[in-house]
Protein backbone atom coordinates (compact mmCIF):
# COMPACT_ATOMS: atom_id res chain seq x y z
CA UNK A 1 0.00 0.00 0.00
CA UNK A 2 1.28 3.45 -0.86
CA UNK A 3 1.44 6.16 1.79
CA UNK A 4 -1.20 8.30 0.14
CA UNK A 5 -3.52 5.28 -0.14
CA UNK A 6 -3.31 5.01 3.62
CA UNK A 7 -4.11 8.73 3.74
CA UNK A 8 -7.24 8.07 1.66
CA UNK A 9 -8.33 5.24 3.98
CA UNK A 10 -7.61 7.33 7.06
CA UNK A 11 -9.54 10.30 5.67
CA UNK A 12 -12.54 8.14 4.87
CA UNK A 13 -12.36 6.57 8.33
CA UNK A 14 -12.21 9.95 10.09
CA UNK A 15 -14.54 12.01 7.89
CA UNK A 16 -16.84 9.45 6.27
CA UNK A 17 -17.73 9.12 2.61
CA UNK A 18 -16.18 11.69 0.27
CA UNK A 19 -16.14 12.36 -3.44
CA UNK A 20 -12.82 11.84 -5.24
CA UNK A 21 -12.36 15.58 -5.83
CA UNK A 22 -12.87 16.36 -2.16
CA UNK A 23 -10.37 13.68 -1.15
CA UNK A 24 -7.85 15.06 -3.66
CA UNK A 25 -8.15 18.57 -2.21
CA UNK A 26 -7.85 17.39 1.38
CA UNK A 27 -4.73 15.29 0.84
CA UNK A 28 -3.30 17.75 -1.72
CA UNK A 29 -2.88 15.22 -4.51
CA UNK A 30 -3.98 15.46 -8.17
CA UNK A 31 -7.52 14.25 -8.86
CA UNK A 32 -6.22 11.67 -11.35
CA UNK A 33 -3.78 10.23 -8.80
CA UNK A 34 -6.50 9.91 -6.19
CA UNK A 35 -8.85 8.38 -8.75
CA UNK A 36 -6.26 5.74 -9.63
CA UNK A 37 -5.67 5.09 -5.95
CA UNK A 38 -9.40 4.66 -5.34
CA UNK A 39 -9.55 2.09 -8.15
CA UNK A 40 -6.66 0.12 -6.60
CA UNK A 41 -8.31 0.27 -3.18
CA UNK A 42 -11.57 -0.88 -4.72
CA UNK A 43 -9.85 -3.91 -6.29
CA UNK A 44 -8.52 -4.82 -2.83
CA UNK A 45 -12.10 -4.45 -1.50
CA UNK A 46 -11.14 -1.60 0.87
CA UNK A 47 -13.60 0.90 -0.61
CA UNK A 48 -16.92 0.96 -2.38
CA UNK A 49 -16.95 3.35 -5.31
CA UNK A 50 -19.26 4.31 -8.15
CA UNK A 51 -18.27 7.04 -10.58
CA UNK A 52 -19.52 10.53 -9.55
CA UNK A 53 -20.64 9.18 -6.16
CA UNK A 54 -18.95 9.40 -2.76
CA UNK A 55 -16.32 6.79 -1.90
CA UNK A 56 -17.16 4.65 1.14
CA UNK A 57 -14.95 2.42 3.25
CA UNK A 58 -15.88 -1.23 3.16
CA UNK A 59 -15.75 -3.22 6.40
CA UNK A 60 -12.36 -4.54 5.31
CA UNK A 61 -11.17 -0.99 4.58
CA UNK A 62 -12.41 0.20 7.97
CA UNK A 63 -10.52 -2.61 9.71
CA UNK A 64 -7.24 -1.81 7.95
CA UNK A 65 -7.67 1.95 8.58
CA UNK A 66 -8.17 1.28 12.31
CA UNK A 67 -5.13 -0.98 12.47
CA UNK A 68 -2.81 1.37 10.59
CA UNK A 69 -4.02 4.34 12.64
CA UNK A 70 -3.27 2.28 15.74
CA UNK A 71 0.26 1.70 14.40
CA UNK A 72 0.80 5.43 13.91
CA UNK A 73 -0.51 6.39 17.37
CA UNK A 74 1.63 3.79 19.15
CA UNK A 75 4.71 4.91 17.24
CA UNK A 76 3.91 8.45 18.30
CA UNK A 77 4.00 7.34 21.94
CA UNK A 78 7.34 5.63 21.35
CA UNK A 79 8.88 8.75 19.76
CA UNK A 80 7.71 11.00 22.58
CA UNK A 81 8.70 8.69 25.43
CA UNK A 82 11.99 7.34 24.10
CA UNK A 83 13.30 10.33 22.14
CA UNK A 84 11.60 13.21 23.99
CA UNK A 85 10.17 14.49 20.72
CA UNK A 86 7.72 17.32 20.66
CA UNK A 87 4.21 15.77 20.40
CA UNK A 88 3.34 17.77 17.28
CA UNK A 89 6.57 16.72 15.54
CA UNK A 90 6.14 13.11 16.68
CA UNK A 91 2.58 13.06 15.31
CA UNK A 92 3.77 14.22 11.89
CA UNK A 93 6.78 11.90 11.85
CA UNK A 94 4.88 8.74 12.73
CA UNK A 95 2.55 9.29 9.78
CA UNK A 96 5.57 9.09 7.46
CA UNK A 97 6.83 5.67 8.50
CA UNK A 98 4.10 3.73 10.26
CA UNK A 99 3.69 1.39 7.29
CA UNK A 100 7.25 0.14 7.76
CA UNK A 101 6.80 -1.59 11.12
CA UNK A 102 5.53 -5.12 11.68
CA UNK A 103 2.47 -5.86 13.72
CA UNK A 104 4.66 -7.78 16.18
CA UNK A 105 6.72 -4.68 16.90
CA UNK A 106 3.62 -2.50 17.20
CA UNK A 107 2.10 -4.97 19.65
CA UNK A 108 5.31 -4.90 21.72
CA UNK A 109 5.16 -1.10 21.85
CA UNK A 110 1.54 -1.39 22.96
CA UNK A 111 2.49 -3.84 25.72
CA UNK A 112 5.47 -1.72 26.86
CA UNK A 113 3.22 1.28 27.42
CA UNK A 114 0.42 -0.74 29.09
CA UNK A 115 -2.03 -0.69 26.20
CA UNK A 116 -2.71 3.07 26.10
CA UNK A 117 -6.18 4.27 25.15
CA UNK A 118 -5.03 7.59 23.64
CA UNK A 119 -1.84 9.08 22.27
CA UNK A 120 -0.32 12.31 23.64
CA UNK A 121 -1.98 14.39 20.92
CA UNK A 122 -5.32 13.18 22.27
CA UNK A 123 -6.37 10.82 19.48
CA UNK A 124 -7.99 7.58 20.58
CA UNK A 125 -6.08 4.35 20.04
CA UNK A 126 -8.70 1.86 18.92
CA UNK A 127 -8.43 -1.72 20.01
CA UNK A 128 -7.40 -4.09 17.30
CA UNK A 129 -9.22 -7.35 16.75
CA UNK A 130 -5.93 -8.79 15.55
CA UNK A 131 -3.11 -7.53 13.45
CA UNK A 132 -3.89 -8.63 9.92
CA UNK A 133 -2.41 -5.67 8.06
CA UNK A 134 0.84 -7.44 7.14
CA UNK A 135 -1.17 -9.94 5.13
CA UNK A 136 -3.20 -7.18 3.50
CA UNK A 137 -0.61 -4.55 2.60
């Protein structure tokens, strides 16, 4: 999965169904790039899309968005606690590389910090029903 595809999933998870043009403006990517991304996500069954209609997350897409958001929030905690990073900087940094870490490592971070319910920036850390993202991505 490409970073901006995760951005699309995350946006749809946070804000609900959106038209392709709206998504493109929000993530500052060309409409054509977002449209191609939506088609790839649709083939993977992460989104439901009909031309000229809003794009919706499928159940599978919602699950992967929750898990990858969980990865980012737990990495944010790690950066703040272990490297004394500013929370705003840590939040931005973890979005750049959260797709690189295995579910095993993310689960160890979660255990180390006693399964936190929110990250320092205040975003909720959703419980995961199991880490399946490595199989999906």
